[in-house]
Protein backbone atom coordinates (compact mmCIF):
# COMPACT_ATOMS: atom_id res chain seq x y z
CA UNK A 1 44.58 102.09 70.34
CA UNK A 2 43.31 100.61 67.11
CA UNK A 3 40.41 102.43 65.52
CA UNK A 4 37.47 100.72 63.84
CA UNK A 5 38.01 102.29 60.47
CA UNK A 6 41.74 101.63 60.24
CA UNK A 7 41.76 97.96 61.18
CA UNK A 8 38.30 97.26 59.82
CA UNK A 9 38.04 98.67 56.33
CA UNK A 10 34.37 99.64 56.38
CA UNK A 11 32.52 99.73 53.05
CA UNK A 12 32.10 103.48 53.45
CA UNK A 13 35.78 104.21 53.05
CA UNK A 14 37.46 106.91 55.18
CA UNK A 15 34.84 108.04 57.69
CA UNK A 16 36.58 107.62 61.02
CA UNK A 17 37.80 110.03 63.65
CA UNK A 18 41.42 111.19 64.04
CA UNK A 19 43.83 108.95 65.93
CA UNK A 20 44.74 111.77 68.30
CA UNK A 21 42.59 114.66 69.55
CA UNK A 22 43.66 118.22 68.74
CA UNK A 23 44.25 119.58 72.23
CA UNK A 24 46.16 122.52 73.64
CA UNK A 25 49.56 121.48 75.10
CA UNK A 26 48.38 121.62 78.73
CA UNK A 27 45.28 119.56 77.97
CA UNK A 28 47.27 117.11 75.87
CA UNK A 29 49.61 116.59 78.82
CA UNK A 30 46.64 115.77 81.06
CA UNK A 31 45.29 113.47 78.34
CA UNK A 32 48.58 111.55 78.16
CA UNK A 33 48.76 111.34 81.96
CA UNK A 34 45.36 109.67 82.12
CA UNK A 35 46.26 107.30 79.30
CA UNK A 36 49.38 106.33 81.24
CA UNK A 37 47.25 105.63 84.31
CA UNK A 38 45.09 103.16 82.40
CA UNK A 39 47.92 101.61 80.38
CA UNK A 40 49.04 98.07 81.02
CA UNK A 41 52.49 99.22 82.15
CA UNK A 42 51.24 100.62 85.45
CA UNK A 43 49.31 99.11 88.37
CA UNK A 44 45.60 98.61 87.84
CA UNK A 45 44.07 102.10 88.33
CA UNK A 46 42.08 102.98 91.42
CA UNK A 47 38.47 103.73 90.33
CA UNK A 48 37.90 106.74 92.57
CA UNK A 49 41.20 108.37 91.70
CA UNK A 50 40.78 107.77 87.98
CA UNK A 51 37.22 109.13 88.00
CA UNK A 52 38.46 112.27 89.76
CA UNK A 53 41.28 112.77 87.25
CA UNK A 54 39.00 112.13 84.29
CA UNK A 55 36.27 114.46 85.56
CA UNK A 56 38.82 117.23 86.13
CA UNK A 57 40.22 116.72 82.64
CA UNK A 58 36.75 116.85 81.07
CA UNK A 59 35.91 119.99 83.05
CA UNK A 60 39.05 121.71 81.76
CA UNK A 61 38.28 120.69 78.18
CA UNK A 62 34.68 121.87 78.35
CA UNK A 63 35.72 125.30 79.63
CA UNK A 64 38.48 125.69 77.05
CA UNK A 65 38.22 126.62 73.35
CA UNK A 66 38.57 122.92 72.45
CA UNK A 67 36.27 121.82 69.64
CA UNK A 68 33.53 119.45 70.78
CA UNK A 69 34.63 116.85 68.22
CA UNK A 70 38.09 116.75 69.80
CA UNK A 71 36.55 116.42 73.26
CA UNK A 72 34.55 113.45 72.00
CA UNK A 73 37.69 111.90 70.54
CA UNK A 74 39.80 112.38 73.68
CA UNK A 75 37.17 110.96 76.02
CA UNK A 76 36.43 108.05 73.68
CA UNK A 77 40.14 107.28 73.43
CA UNK A 78 40.41 107.06 77.24
CA UNK A 79 37.21 105.00 77.63
CA UNK A 80 38.41 102.55 74.98
CA UNK A 81 41.82 102.18 76.60
CA UNK A 82 40.27 101.67 80.05
CA UNK A 83 37.84 99.03 78.78
CA UNK A 84 40.63 97.15 76.99
CA UNK A 85 42.75 97.28 80.16
CA UNK A 86 39.94 95.84 82.26
CA UNK A 87 39.34 93.04 79.77
CA UNK A 88 43.03 92.15 79.52
CA UNK A 89 43.36 92.20 83.31
CA UNK A 90 40.61 89.65 83.85
CA UNK A 91 41.78 87.40 81.03
CA UNK A 92 45.18 87.35 82.74
CA UNK A 93 43.61 86.63 86.15
CA UNK A 94 41.52 83.80 84.72
CA UNK A 95 44.64 82.27 83.14
CA UNK A 96 47.14 82.61 86.00
CA UNK A 97 44.94 82.32 89.07
CA UNK A 98 42.12 80.07 87.85
CA UNK A 99 43.98 78.09 85.17
CA UNK A 100 41.29 79.07 82.65
CA UNK A 101 43.00 80.10 79.43
CA UNK A 102 41.08 82.04 76.81
CA UNK A 103 39.18 79.33 74.88
CA UNK A 104 39.08 81.14 71.55
CA UNK A 105 38.90 84.48 69.74
CA UNK A 106 36.41 87.15 70.78
CA UNK A 107 35.58 90.81 70.21
CA UNK A 108 34.17 93.22 72.80
CA UNK A 109 32.00 95.87 71.19
CA UNK A 110 30.41 99.05 72.48
CA UNK A 111 27.10 100.50 71.32
CA UNK A 112 25.12 103.69 71.72
CA UNK A 113 26.83 107.02 72.39
CA UNK A 114 30.11 105.36 73.33
CA UNK A 115 30.24 103.54 69.98
CA UNK A 116 29.40 106.78 68.17
CA UNK A 117 32.22 108.45 70.13
CA UNK A 118 29.73 111.00 71.46
CA UNK A 119 30.00 110.33 75.18
CA UNK A 120 31.57 112.93 77.46
CA UNK A 121 30.13 112.53 80.95
CA UNK A 122 29.95 108.81 81.75
CA UNK A 123 26.52 107.29 81.22
CA UNK A 124 25.22 103.75 81.54
CA UNK A 125 26.79 100.86 79.68
CA UNK A 126 25.82 99.52 76.27
CA UNK A 127 28.11 96.67 75.25
CA UNK A 128 28.14 93.23 73.69
CA UNK A 129 30.50 90.34 73.02
CA UNK A 130 31.12 88.24 69.92
CA UNK A 131 33.13 85.05 70.24
CA UNK A 132 34.33 82.48 67.74
CA UNK A 133 32.29 79.43 66.84
CA UNK A 134 33.26 76.73 69.34
CA UNK A 135 33.33 73.00 68.64
CA UNK A 136 29.92 71.49 69.41
CA UNK A 137 31.26 69.70 72.47
CA UNK A 138 32.73 72.94 73.83
CA UNK A 139 29.78 75.32 73.43
CA UNK A 140 28.81 75.38 77.10
CA UNK A 141 32.40 75.78 78.31
CA UNK A 142 33.10 78.64 75.91
CA UNK A 143 29.95 80.53 76.81
CA UNK A 144 30.55 79.97 80.53
CA UNK A 145 34.02 81.51 80.16
CA UNK A 146 32.79 84.56 78.24
CA UNK A 147 29.82 84.95 80.61
CA UNK A 148 32.26 85.09 83.54
CA UNK A 149 34.52 87.50 81.67
CA UNK A 150 31.56 89.75 80.80
CA UNK A 151 30.42 89.75 84.42
CA UNK A 152 33.84 90.86 85.66
CA UNK A 153 34.22 93.56 82.98
CA UNK A 154 30.72 94.96 83.45
CA UNK A 155 31.22 95.04 87.23
CA UNK A 156 34.51 96.92 86.89
CA UNK A 157 33.07 99.38 84.38
CA UNK A 158 30.36 100.12 86.93
CA UNK A 159 33.07 100.77 89.55
CA UNK A 160 34.68 103.26 87.17
CA UNK A 161 31.42 105.18 86.81
CA UNK A 162 29.69 103.49 83.86
CA UNK A 163 26.38 102.55 85.45
CA UNK A 164 24.71 99.24 84.72
CA UNK A 165 22.23 99.50 81.86
CA UNK A 166 18.64 99.52 83.10
CA UNK A 167 17.59 97.83 79.85
CA UNK A 168 20.24 95.11 80.37
CA UNK A 169 21.98 95.89 77.06
CA UNK A 170 25.25 94.42 78.28
CA UNK A 171 27.44 91.44 77.49
CA UNK A 172 26.26 89.76 80.70
CA UNK A 173 22.89 89.26 78.98
CA UNK A 174 22.98 86.16 76.69
CA UNK A 175 21.06 88.18 74.08
CA UNK A 176 24.12 90.42 73.77
CA UNK A 177 26.72 87.64 74.05
CA UNK A 178 26.80 85.08 71.23
CA UNK A 179 29.06 83.18 68.91
CA UNK A 180 29.61 84.80 65.53
CA UNK A 181 27.27 82.37 63.77
CA UNK A 182 24.53 82.94 66.35
CA UNK A 183 24.95 86.71 65.95
CA UNK A 184 24.47 86.32 62.21
CA UNK A 185 21.37 84.19 62.75
CA UNK A 186 19.97 86.81 65.13
CA UNK A 187 20.57 89.54 62.54
CA UNK A 188 18.62 87.49 59.99
CA UNK A 189 15.70 87.51 62.40
CA UNK A 190 15.87 91.15 63.46
CA UNK A 191 16.30 92.68 60.01
CA UNK A 192 13.40 90.66 58.61
CA UNK A 193 11.14 91.24 61.61
CA UNK A 194 8.15 93.55 61.99
CA UNK A 195 8.16 93.26 65.79
CA UNK A 196 8.81 96.61 67.52
CA UNK A 197 11.09 94.91 70.07
CA UNK A 198 13.28 93.49 67.30
CA UNK A 199 13.44 96.87 65.55
CA UNK A 200 14.60 98.48 68.81
CA UNK A 201 17.32 95.86 69.19
CA UNK A 202 18.39 96.45 65.60
CA UNK A 203 18.50 100.22 66.16
CA UNK A 204 20.86 99.70 69.09
CA UNK A 205 23.10 97.32 67.14
CA UNK A 206 23.33 99.56 64.08
CA UNK A 207 25.64 101.78 66.14
CA UNK A 208 28.44 99.49 67.25
CA UNK A 209 32.21 99.68 67.35
CA UNK A 210 34.82 97.08 68.34
CA UNK A 211 36.89 97.98 71.39
CA UNK A 212 39.11 94.97 72.09
CA UNK A 213 39.86 91.57 70.66
CA UNK A 214 39.48 90.13 67.18
CA UNK A 215 38.33 93.14 65.12
CA UNK A 216 37.71 91.11 61.91
CA UNK A 217 34.81 89.44 63.74
CA UNK A 218 33.12 92.83 64.02
CA UNK A 219 33.87 93.46 60.35
CA UNK A 220 32.19 90.16 59.45
CA UNK A 221 29.13 91.21 61.43
CA UNK A 222 29.10 94.61 59.68
CA UNK A 223 29.22 92.91 56.31
CA UNK A 224 26.22 90.80 57.31
CA UNK A 225 24.35 93.95 58.36
CA UNK A 226 25.24 95.62 55.07
CA UNK A 227 24.10 92.69 52.94
CA UNK A 228 20.85 92.16 54.82
CA UNK A 229 20.08 95.87 54.79
CA UNK A 230 20.38 96.00 51.01
CA UNK A 231 18.27 92.85 50.61
CA UNK A 232 15.50 94.09 52.92
CA UNK A 233 14.76 97.76 52.12
CA UNK A 234 11.49 97.43 54.02
CA UNK A 235 13.53 97.69 57.24
CA UNK A 236 13.75 101.43 56.51
CA UNK A 237 10.01 101.69 57.01
CA UNK A 238 10.25 100.19 60.48
CA UNK A 239 13.30 102.21 61.51
CA UNK A 240 11.53 105.39 60.39
CA UNK A 241 8.35 104.40 62.17
CA UNK A 242 10.33 103.66 65.33
CA UNK A 243 11.74 107.20 65.23
CA UNK A 244 8.24 108.63 65.04
CA UNK A 245 7.25 106.80 68.22
CA UNK A 246 9.20 109.52 70.05
CA UNK A 247 7.56 112.92 70.19
CA UNK A 248 8.51 115.58 67.65
CA UNK A 249 10.57 118.48 69.05
CA UNK A 250 7.74 120.96 68.39
CA UNK A 251 3.99 120.98 68.74
CA UNK A 252 1.63 121.61 65.79
CA UNK A 253 1.57 125.26 66.92
CA UNK A 254 5.36 125.57 66.56
CA UNK A 255 6.13 125.64 70.27
CA UNK A 256 8.99 123.61 71.73
CA UNK A 257 7.47 120.48 73.23
CA UNK A 258 7.94 120.35 77.01
CA UNK A 259 6.58 118.46 79.97
CA UNK A 260 6.62 118.86 83.73
CA UNK A 261 8.99 116.87 85.89
CA UNK A 262 9.95 117.27 89.51
CA UNK A 263 12.05 120.39 89.87
CA UNK A 264 11.49 121.52 86.27
CA UNK A 265 8.50 123.55 85.07
CA UNK A 266 9.13 123.30 81.33
CA UNK A 267 11.41 120.36 80.61
CA UNK A 268 12.57 119.80 77.04
CA UNK A 269 14.08 116.32 76.73
CA UNK A 270 17.27 117.02 74.79
CA UNK A 271 17.89 113.36 74.05
CA UNK A 272 14.53 111.83 73.06
CA UNK A 273 12.93 114.96 71.57
CA UNK A 274 16.02 116.34 69.87
CA UNK A 275 19.27 114.43 69.49
CA UNK A 276 17.68 111.02 68.99
CA UNK A 277 15.80 112.22 65.89
CA UNK A 278 18.95 113.72 64.38
CA UNK A 279 21.03 110.61 65.13
CA UNK A 280 18.29 108.30 63.79
CA UNK A 281 17.99 110.28 60.57
CA UNK A 282 21.74 110.26 59.94
CA UNK A 283 21.88 106.53 60.69
CA UNK A 284 19.12 105.72 58.18
CA UNK A 285 20.55 108.00 55.48
CA UNK A 286 24.05 106.62 56.00
CA UNK A 287 23.03 102.97 55.86
CA UNK A 288 21.11 103.57 52.66
CA UNK A 289 24.15 105.14 51.03
CA UNK A 290 26.70 102.51 51.97
CA UNK A 291 28.19 104.43 54.90
CA UNK A 292 28.91 102.00 57.69
CA UNK A 293 30.54 103.88 60.54
CA UNK A 294 28.83 104.65 63.87
CA UNK A 295 29.91 108.28 64.43
CA UNK A 296 27.16 110.79 63.64
CA UNK A 297 29.75 113.42 62.72
CA UNK A 298 31.48 110.98 60.36
CA UNK A 299 28.12 110.02 58.84
CA UNK A 300 27.28 113.68 58.25
CA UNK A 301 30.62 114.36 56.59
CA UNK A 302 30.33 111.30 54.35
CA UNK A 303 26.74 112.18 53.41
CA UNK A 304 27.87 115.68 52.45
CA UNK A 305 30.77 114.30 50.39
CA UNK A 306 28.35 112.07 48.48
CA UNK A 307 25.91 114.88 47.86
CA UNK A 308 23.16 113.32 49.99
CA UNK A 309 23.22 116.41 52.22
CA UNK A 310 23.62 119.75 50.51
CA UNK A 311 25.79 122.43 52.11
CA UNK A 312 22.89 124.11 53.91
CA UNK A 313 21.55 120.83 55.26
CA UNK A 314 25.01 119.82 56.44
CA UNK A 315 25.70 123.15 58.16
CA UNK A 316 22.28 123.22 59.83
CA UNK A 317 22.56 119.60 60.95
CA UNK A 318 26.05 120.19 62.31
CA UNK A 319 24.89 123.27 64.22
CA UNK A 320 21.98 121.30 65.66
CA UNK A 321 24.24 118.41 66.67
CA UNK A 322 26.70 120.67 68.46
CA UNK A 323 24.03 122.84 70.08
CA UNK A 324 22.01 119.91 71.44
CA UNK A 325 25.12 118.09 72.64
CA UNK A 326 26.32 121.16 74.54
CA UNK A 327 22.92 121.38 76.21
CA UNK A 328 23.03 117.67 77.03
CA UNK A 329 26.53 117.87 78.48
CA UNK A 330 25.44 120.82 80.62
CA UNK A 331 22.51 118.82 81.95
CA UNK A 332 24.75 115.81 82.64
CA UNK A 333 27.12 117.95 84.66
CA UNK A 334 24.08 118.95 86.75
CA UNK A 335 23.26 115.42 87.85
CA UNK A 336 20.19 114.31 89.71
CA UNK A 337 21.38 114.09 93.32
CA UNK A 338 19.03 111.24 94.21
CA UNK A 339 19.76 108.80 91.37
CA UNK A 340 23.25 110.11 90.51
CA UNK A 341 22.40 109.46 86.85
CA UNK A 342 22.62 112.04 84.08
CA UNK A 343 19.47 113.90 83.18
CA UNK A 344 18.66 115.11 79.69
CA UNK A 345 16.47 118.05 80.55
CA UNK A 346 16.72 121.66 79.43
CA UNK A 347 14.41 123.81 81.52
CA UNK A 348 12.94 126.35 79.10
CA UNK A 349 11.76 128.52 81.98
CA UNK A 350 15.42 129.20 82.76
CA UNK A 351 16.50 130.00 79.20
CA UNK A 352 16.71 133.56 77.91
CA UNK A 353 14.76 134.67 74.86
CA UNK A 354 17.92 134.44 72.78
CA UNK A 355 18.62 130.90 74.01
CA UNK A 356 15.06 129.80 73.24
CA UNK A 357 15.28 131.30 69.76
CA UNK A 358 18.56 129.49 69.10
CA UNK A 359 17.03 126.22 70.28
CA UNK A 360 14.02 126.69 67.99
CA UNK A 361 16.32 127.21 65.01
CA UNK A 362 18.29 124.01 65.59
CA UNK A 363 15.07 122.07 66.20
CA UNK A 364 13.81 123.22 62.79
CA UNK A 365 16.83 121.43 61.30
CA UNK A 366 15.94 118.29 63.26
CA UNK A 367 12.33 118.41 62.07
CA UNK A 368 13.52 118.87 58.48
CA UNK A 369 15.53 115.64 58.76
CA UNK A 370 12.60 113.84 60.37
CA UNK A 371 10.31 114.83 57.52
CA UNK A 372 12.92 113.85 54.97
CA UNK A 373 13.35 110.27 56.18
CA UNK A 374 9.59 109.95 56.66
CA UNK A 375 8.96 111.13 53.11
CA UNK A 376 11.73 109.00 51.60
CA UNK A 377 11.55 105.74 53.51
CA UNK A 378 8.01 105.29 54.81
CA UNK A 379 6.13 102.68 52.78
CA UNK A 380 2.54 103.66 53.36
CA UNK A 381 1.17 100.36 52.10
CA UNK A 382 3.03 98.62 54.96
CA UNK A 383 0.75 100.34 57.45
CA UNK A 384 -2.05 98.00 56.42
CA UNK A 385 -0.09 95.02 57.75
CA UNK A 386 0.91 96.26 61.20
């Protein structure tokens, strides 16, 4: 598998993840077995069997001494290989069965936790497609081909356990499937916009990673993001404001913010009230210091290397990232039986005093980062115009 930062020399320099996860021999054997199952040399994998094998592998990793970063890497490696296999399969079917050869270059990209290489238990899809600029007379034919390809890939990913995105952030949606020039035009609009909907779209796109196809297309898009970001520093104000639309992890009285949901008396939303703030802060800091890689861990390391985060801030942020992710993974393994979708709830009524204290400590680190980006990037005079 080709990694983003090796084939696409990002402006940030070396900030990628290792090519191979550091796993114990038994786990590495299971890892290789699953990779062989999704490789192009074997028959197209059966979804139910592959999901069972992958879930067993993840379970063994989670209950082993394996570092969480290596678990992220291993799972991401498999997801990438599976997605590439699905794409290649349907391109081959289109060509041999339907006599529809690939009309031009394209790049399939992932976004969200999968792009950041932070997905363990399968969640819903976040993906997009960039294709080359077609001749004017061929625009409709090219988009029809890539629309059909996206539909087949998204359907198969759903069969393999990656649920359809409720927000329709998938390559089947024309908003997330464009020619390279149209992507660049859209970026011009989003980065210069004050509309909350455009800022949300931009936030999603600022974490993307190419999975299959023409990787230089993704690099070209990254370069456009980089240039526009430097030309429009006011976008920081809107990204920071967007983060503050989600509730802070603690109340003004210093208590962990919870709410009631069915089956949970004191639900702390690990994702929106915790991890999202940390990820948003690292994204904003990284983009403002020329670090263009989607992984939160890689962003943290690069920010520390550049002196943007001091040693204490780095250690506290890293502890918070690991702690909240372990909580989130635990909640995902305890899925909602009715919807069969992961939940992001930690029930404080079921945590011990020690566990609550540990959670409060990591949330202090999250709040520190929130305050830092608010203090640094909020342009108070902009509040008069929106």
